[in-house]
C-alpha atoms as a PDB file:
ATOM      1  CA  MET A   1       0.006  -0.015   0.007  1.00  0.00           C
ATOM      2  CA  ARG A   2       1.340   3.402  -0.934  1.00  0.00           C
ATOM      3  CA  PRO A   3       1.523   6.172   1.571  1.00  0.00           C
ATOM      4  CA  ILE A   4      -1.373   8.675   1.178  1.00  0.00           C
ATOM      5  CA  ALA A   5       0.964  11.625   0.456  1.00  0.00           C
ATOM      6  CA  ARG A   6       2.310   9.828  -2.617  1.00  0.00           C
ATOM      7  CA  ALA A   7      -1.159   8.889  -3.814  1.00  0.00           C
ATOM      8  CA  ILE A   8      -2.285  12.524  -3.484  1.00  0.00           C
ATOM      9  CA  ALA A   9       0.731  13.838  -5.287  1.00  0.00           C
ATOM     10  CA  SER A  10       0.094  11.423  -8.110  1.00  0.00           C
ATOM     11  CA  ALA A  11      -3.549  12.435  -8.301  1.00  0.00           C
ATOM     12  CA  LEU A  12      -2.647  16.165  -8.447  1.00  0.00           C
ATOM     13  CA  ARG A  13      -0.152  15.498 -11.158  1.00  0.00           C
ATOM     14  CA  THR A  14      -2.738  13.507 -13.164  1.00  0.00           C
ATOM     15  CA  LEU A  15      -5.215  16.369 -12.815  1.00  0.00           C
ATOM     16  CA  GLY A  16      -2.584  18.851 -13.885  1.00  0.00           C
ATOM     17  CA  ILE A  17      -2.958  20.999 -10.679  1.00  0.00           C
ATOM     18  CA  ASP A  18       0.165  19.959  -8.799  1.00  0.00           C
ATOM     19  CA  GLN A  19       1.961  23.249  -9.508  1.00  0.00           C
ATOM     20  CA  ASP A  20      -1.030  25.339  -8.547  1.00  0.00           C
ATOM     21  CA  VAL A  21      -1.190  23.573  -5.193  1.00  0.00           C
ATOM     22  CA  ALA A  22       2.536  23.983  -4.688  1.00  0.00           C
ATOM     23  CA  ARG A  23       2.223  27.756  -5.372  1.00  0.00           C
ATOM     24  CA  ALA A  24      -0.674  27.977  -2.852  1.00  0.00           C
ATOM     25  CA  ASP A  25       1.820  26.561  -0.240  1.00  0.00           C
ATOM     26  CA  ALA A  26       3.937  29.720  -0.754  1.00  0.00           C
ATOM     27  CA  VAL A  27       0.879  31.897   0.082  1.00  0.00           C
ATOM     28  CA  ARG A  28       0.411  29.869   3.309  1.00  0.00           C
ATOM     29  CA  ALA A  29       4.172  29.995   4.094  1.00  0.00           C
ATOM     30  CA  TRP A  30       4.460  33.752   3.665  1.00  0.00           C
ATOM     31  CA  PRO A  31       3.709  34.760   7.319  1.00  0.00           C
ATOM     32  CA  ALA A  32       6.381  32.503   8.752  1.00  0.00           C
ATOM     33  CA  ALA A  33       8.990  33.375   6.072  1.00  0.00           C
ATOM     34  CA  ALA A  34       8.324  37.087   6.365  1.00  0.00           C
ATOM     35  CA  THR A  35       8.449  37.069  10.112  1.00  0.00           C
ATOM     36  CA  THR A  36      11.810  35.127  10.016  1.00  0.00           C
ATOM     37  CA  VAL A  37      13.386  37.685   7.729  1.00  0.00           C
ATOM     38  CA  LEU A  38      11.621  40.945   8.580  1.00  0.00           C
ATOM     39  CA  GLY A  39      10.573  40.440  12.155  1.00  0.00           C
ATOM     40  CA  ALA A  40       7.336  40.468  14.005  1.00  0.00           C
ATOM     41  CA  ASP A  41       6.081  43.613  12.196  1.00  0.00           C
ATOM     42  CA  ALA A  42       5.806  41.517   9.063  1.00  0.00           C
ATOM     43  CA  VAL A  43       2.359  40.553  10.170  1.00  0.00           C
ATOM     44  CA  THR A  44       1.181  43.784   8.516  1.00  0.00           C
ATOM     45  CA  THR A  45       1.941  42.289   5.091  1.00  0.00           C
ATOM     46  CA  ARG A  46      -0.149  39.457   3.527  1.00  0.00           C
ATOM     47  CA  ALA A  47       0.437  37.185   0.581  1.00  0.00           C
ATOM     48  CA  VAL A  48      -2.766  37.018  -1.364  1.00  0.00           C
ATOM     49  CA  ARG A  49      -2.076  34.909  -4.576  1.00  0.00           C
ATOM     50  CA  THR A  50       0.515  33.786  -7.028  1.00  0.00           C
ATOM     51  CA  ASP A  51       0.913  34.958 -10.571  1.00  0.00           C
ATOM     52  CA  GLY A  52       3.063  32.380 -12.324  1.00  0.00           C
ATOM     53  CA  ASP A  53       6.238  32.318 -10.391  1.00  0.00           C
ATOM     54  CA  THR A  54       5.476  35.517  -8.604  1.00  0.00           C
ATOM     55  CA  LEU A  55       4.012  35.886  -5.119  1.00  0.00           C
ATOM     56  CA  VAL A  56       1.754  38.941  -4.704  1.00  0.00           C
ATOM     57  CA  VAL A  57       2.025  40.567  -1.266  1.00  0.00           C
ATOM     58  CA  LEU A  58      -0.230  43.309   0.096  1.00  0.00           C
ATOM     59  CA  VAL A  59       1.738  45.956   1.932  1.00  0.00           C
ATOM     60  CA  PRO A  60       0.441  48.745   4.101  1.00  0.00           C
ATOM     61  CA  THR A  61       2.984  51.390   3.060  1.00  0.00           C
ATOM     62  CA  ALA A  62       5.512  52.252   0.354  1.00  0.00           C
ATOM     63  CA  GLN A  63       8.264  51.780   2.970  1.00  0.00           C
ATOM     64  CA  TRP A  64       7.216  48.136   3.474  1.00  0.00           C
ATOM     65  CA  ALA A  65       7.332  47.608  -0.385  1.00  0.00           C
ATOM     66  CA  GLY A  66      10.824  49.034  -0.366  1.00  0.00           C
ATOM     67  CA  GLU A  67      11.959  46.830   2.474  1.00  0.00           C
ATOM     68  CA  ILE A  68      10.603  43.761   0.747  1.00  0.00           C
ATOM     69  CA  ARG A  69      12.327  44.709  -2.514  1.00  0.00           C
ATOM     70  CA  LEU A  70      15.642  45.189  -0.660  1.00  0.00           C
ATOM     71  CA  ARG A  71      15.325  41.763   1.133  1.00  0.00           C
ATOM     72  CA  GLU A  72      13.695  39.841  -1.669  1.00  0.00           C
ATOM     73  CA  ARG A  73      16.481  37.413  -2.061  1.00  0.00           C
ATOM     74  CA  GLU A  74      16.365  36.527   1.680  1.00  0.00           C
ATOM     75  CA  LEU A  75      12.603  36.204   1.551  1.00  0.00           C
ATOM     76  CA  LEU A  76      12.660  33.912  -1.443  1.00  0.00           C
ATOM     77  CA  VAL A  77      15.161  31.679   0.320  1.00  0.00           C
ATOM     78  CA  ALA A  78      12.939  31.601   3.382  1.00  0.00           C
ATOM     79  CA  LEU A  79       9.940  30.707   1.177  1.00  0.00           C
ATOM     80  CA  ALA A  80      11.879  28.026  -0.619  1.00  0.00           C
ATOM     81  CA  ASP A  81      12.701  26.441   2.783  1.00  0.00           C
ATOM     82  CA  ARG A  82       9.076  26.320   3.717  1.00  0.00           C
ATOM     83  CA  ALA A  83       7.413  25.664   0.296  1.00  0.00           C
ATOM     84  CA  PRO A  84      10.136  24.167  -1.911  1.00  0.00           C
ATOM     85  CA  ALA A  85       7.821  22.894  -4.675  1.00  0.00           C
ATOM     86  CA  SER A  86       6.288  26.342  -5.198  1.00  0.00           C
ATOM     87  CA  ARG A  87       9.187  27.601  -7.239  1.00  0.00           C
ATOM     88  CA  ILE A  88       8.422  31.215  -6.439  1.00  0.00           C
ATOM     89  CA  ALA A  89      11.107  33.365  -8.037  1.00  0.00           C
ATOM     90  CA  ARG A  90       9.773  36.914  -7.554  1.00  0.00           C
ATOM     91  CA  LEU A  91       7.822  39.029  -5.105  1.00  0.00           C
ATOM     92  CA  ARG A  92       5.359  41.785  -6.139  1.00  0.00           C
ATOM     93  CA  CYS A  93       4.151  44.249  -3.604  1.00  0.00           C
ATOM     94  CA  VAL A  94       0.769  45.947  -4.054  1.00  0.00           C
ATOM     95  CA  PRO A  95      -0.766  48.526  -1.671  1.00  0.00           C
ATOM     96  CA  SER A  96      -3.368  47.140   0.757  1.00  0.00           C
ATOM     97  CA  PRO A  97      -6.863  48.659   0.496  1.00  0.00           C
END
């Protein structure tokens, strides 16, 4: 009997949605990755979706967008540690409403 995780992975591949699910993991991993790199105040940011290999992050101010751009490489490493299959390569900051 195969472990359930392998069976699910196989089903996702068969349905052609395995990469979409992997990218969704990056959205879920954002709070932990951002807090690790940016500190506790990172809770003011929020990943909302992926667009290809880009993670879209809502930010409250232009200063936050600048900080994320400056530390993008560190953030991508932290995301890759937490959601390796997501293959997120870029971050895009957008103002929060």
